[in-house]
């Protein structure tokens, strides 16, 4: 099990918003492929899957804003 966390996108950025999930629960993911897009007050960025596996859980839905380091998904 690998937890996917909201990354820090800059020294002054303390939170991010999930703009779009590119994968759904149950989908296979490959390390490095785009998993979701997050947005901050400065930039929108695609976040790659950290490991190869299956997206087991999405904990933060599109449109939700959460602090950096929050677990946003789980890959098995």
C-alpha atoms as a PDB file:
ATOM      1  CA  UNK A   1       0.000   0.000   0.000  1.00  0.00           C
ATOM      2  CA  UNK A   2       1.336   3.418  -0.967  1.00  0.00           C
ATOM      3  CA  UNK A   3      -0.265   6.637   0.237  1.00  0.00           C
ATOM      4  CA  UNK A   4      -0.343   9.496  -2.255  1.00  0.00           C
ATOM      5  CA  UNK A   5      -0.003  12.841  -0.457  1.00  0.00           C
ATOM      6  CA  UNK A   6      -0.697  16.419  -1.468  1.00  0.00           C
ATOM      7  CA  UNK A   7       2.756  17.689  -2.489  1.00  0.00           C
ATOM      8  CA  UNK A   8       4.264  21.019  -1.527  1.00  0.00           C
ATOM      9  CA  UNK A   9       4.393  23.064  -4.722  1.00  0.00           C
ATOM     10  CA  UNK A  10       6.438  25.938  -3.299  1.00  0.00           C
ATOM     11  CA  UNK A  11       7.771  27.288  -0.032  1.00  0.00           C
ATOM     12  CA  UNK A  12       4.783  29.567   0.515  1.00  0.00           C
ATOM     13  CA  UNK A  13       2.122  27.098  -0.665  1.00  0.00           C
ATOM     14  CA  UNK A  14       0.382  25.346   2.230  1.00  0.00           C
ATOM     15  CA  UNK A  15      -2.562  23.730   0.422  1.00  0.00           C
ATOM     16  CA  UNK A  16      -3.743  22.491  -2.946  1.00  0.00           C
ATOM     17  CA  UNK A  17      -7.012  21.779  -4.740  1.00  0.00           C
ATOM     18  CA  UNK A  18      -7.718  18.586  -6.659  1.00  0.00           C
ATOM     19  CA  UNK A  19      -8.719  19.863 -10.100  1.00  0.00           C
ATOM     20  CA  UNK A  20      -9.181  16.515 -11.840  1.00  0.00           C
ATOM     21  CA  UNK A  21      -8.560  12.812 -11.305  1.00  0.00           C
ATOM     22  CA  UNK A  22      -7.280  11.076 -14.450  1.00  0.00           C
ATOM     23  CA  UNK A  23      -7.872   7.618 -12.925  1.00  0.00           C
ATOM     24  CA  UNK A  24     -10.747   6.106 -10.957  1.00  0.00           C
ATOM     25  CA  UNK A  25     -10.804   3.583  -8.115  1.00  0.00           C
ATOM     26  CA  UNK A  26      -9.985   0.143  -9.514  1.00  0.00           C
ATOM     27  CA  UNK A  27      -7.914   1.491 -12.427  1.00  0.00           C
ATOM     28  CA  UNK A  28      -4.394   0.215 -12.987  1.00  0.00           C
ATOM     29  CA  UNK A  29      -1.710   2.895 -12.724  1.00  0.00           C
ATOM     30  CA  UNK A  30       1.904   2.887 -13.838  1.00  0.00           C
ATOM     31  CA  UNK A  31       4.640   4.688 -11.954  1.00  0.00           C
ATOM     32  CA  UNK A  32       5.223   8.092 -13.526  1.00  0.00           C
ATOM     33  CA  UNK A  33       1.952   8.356 -15.454  1.00  0.00           C
ATOM     34  CA  UNK A  34      -0.318  11.324 -14.639  1.00  0.00           C
ATOM     35  CA  UNK A  35      -2.672  10.452 -11.789  1.00  0.00           C
ATOM     36  CA  UNK A  36      -4.343  13.782 -11.077  1.00  0.00           C
ATOM     37  CA  UNK A  37      -4.058  17.523 -11.531  1.00  0.00           C
ATOM     38  CA  UNK A  38      -3.793  19.826  -8.558  1.00  0.00           C
ATOM     39  CA  UNK A  39      -4.065  23.573  -8.455  1.00  0.00           C
ATOM     40  CA  UNK A  40      -2.651  26.187  -6.136  1.00  0.00           C
ATOM     41  CA  UNK A  41      -2.921  29.947  -6.148  1.00  0.00           C
ATOM     42  CA  UNK A  42       0.223  29.970  -8.317  1.00  0.00           C
ATOM     43  CA  UNK A  43       0.090  26.999 -10.730  1.00  0.00           C
ATOM     44  CA  UNK A  44      -1.822  23.905 -11.919  1.00  0.00           C
ATOM     45  CA  UNK A  45       0.312  20.750 -12.051  1.00  0.00           C
ATOM     46  CA  UNK A  46      -0.109  17.117 -13.064  1.00  0.00           C
ATOM     47  CA  UNK A  47       0.969  14.735 -10.312  1.00  0.00           C
ATOM     48  CA  UNK A  48       2.407  11.368 -11.417  1.00  0.00           C
ATOM     49  CA  UNK A  49       1.666   8.039  -9.775  1.00  0.00           C
ATOM     50  CA  UNK A  50       4.494   7.290  -7.310  1.00  0.00           C
ATOM     51  CA  UNK A  51       4.260   3.504  -7.871  1.00  0.00           C
ATOM     52  CA  UNK A  52       2.749   0.922 -10.227  1.00  0.00           C
ATOM     53  CA  UNK A  53      -0.402  -0.739  -8.919  1.00  0.00           C
ATOM     54  CA  UNK A  54      -4.156  -0.277  -8.633  1.00  0.00           C
ATOM     55  CA  UNK A  55      -5.829   2.908  -7.418  1.00  0.00           C
ATOM     56  CA  UNK A  56      -7.542   1.499  -4.326  1.00  0.00           C
ATOM     57  CA  UNK A  57      -8.971   4.642  -2.746  1.00  0.00           C
ATOM     58  CA  UNK A  58      -9.551   8.317  -3.531  1.00  0.00           C
ATOM     59  CA  UNK A  59      -9.780  10.294  -0.299  1.00  0.00           C
ATOM     60  CA  UNK A  60     -10.026  13.829  -1.727  1.00  0.00           C
ATOM     61  CA  UNK A  61     -12.598  14.538  -4.421  1.00  0.00           C
ATOM     62  CA  UNK A  62     -12.373  16.996  -7.313  1.00  0.00           C
ATOM     63  CA  UNK A  63     -12.834  20.548  -6.107  1.00  0.00           C
ATOM     64  CA  UNK A  64     -11.661  19.844  -2.558  1.00  0.00           C
ATOM     65  CA  UNK A  65      -8.784  21.852  -1.082  1.00  0.00           C
ATOM     66  CA  UNK A  66      -6.548  20.200   1.518  1.00  0.00           C
ATOM     67  CA  UNK A  67      -3.295  21.018   3.326  1.00  0.00           C
ATOM     68  CA  UNK A  68       0.079  19.836   2.024  1.00  0.00           C
ATOM     69  CA  UNK A  69       0.963  16.286   3.212  1.00  0.00           C
ATOM     70  CA  UNK A  70      -2.699  15.193   3.429  1.00  0.00           C
ATOM     71  CA  UNK A  71      -3.229  11.656   2.108  1.00  0.00           C
ATOM     72  CA  UNK A  72      -5.308  12.093  -1.046  1.00  0.00           C
ATOM     73  CA  UNK A  73      -5.290   8.540  -2.416  1.00  0.00           C
ATOM     74  CA  UNK A  74      -4.045   4.991  -1.854  1.00  0.00           C
ATOM     75  CA  UNK A  75      -2.413   2.718  -4.444  1.00  0.00           C
ATOM     76  CA  UNK A  76      -2.084  -1.018  -3.827  1.00  0.00           C
END
